[in-house]
């Protein structure tokens, strides 16, 4: 029997988002540390653009590793709609955090938005994409292969 995404959305359990909120905090700390390493070590050695590309790649890899670890170790069995909502939650929190920090630093919104311009060679968009899809990717994959 198959269920529609709508019927799953109607039965979303709010309490299953507490652990993913904690995981997002872990990923935020990793992202801040990654940014510090980028500014202090990478950019002086390889330049601004290469430093940003390398840093983004490292952060995407870290997000995937943390997400895989969480979904392989959690006892919570997530519905597809819940996995999608975890990805949306992580993405909204991250983008919101970025804009709030930018505002606090006095960075114009246009500069923050410019970080998402792939036509200008920006690669940061890979981070929110990884945050959005990793819960679905690993939640579905691990649910199919790991006994619960």
Foldseek 3Di string as FASTA:
>chain_A
DDDDLVVLVVVDDVVVCPVLVVLLVVLVVVLVVLVVCLVPPVCVVPNDLVSQVVSLVVSLVVLLVSLLVCLLPDPDQDDLNNLQVSLVVSLCVVLVVLVVVCVVVVHDVVVSVVLVPVVVVRDNVSNSVSSNCSSNVNSVVSPVPPDD
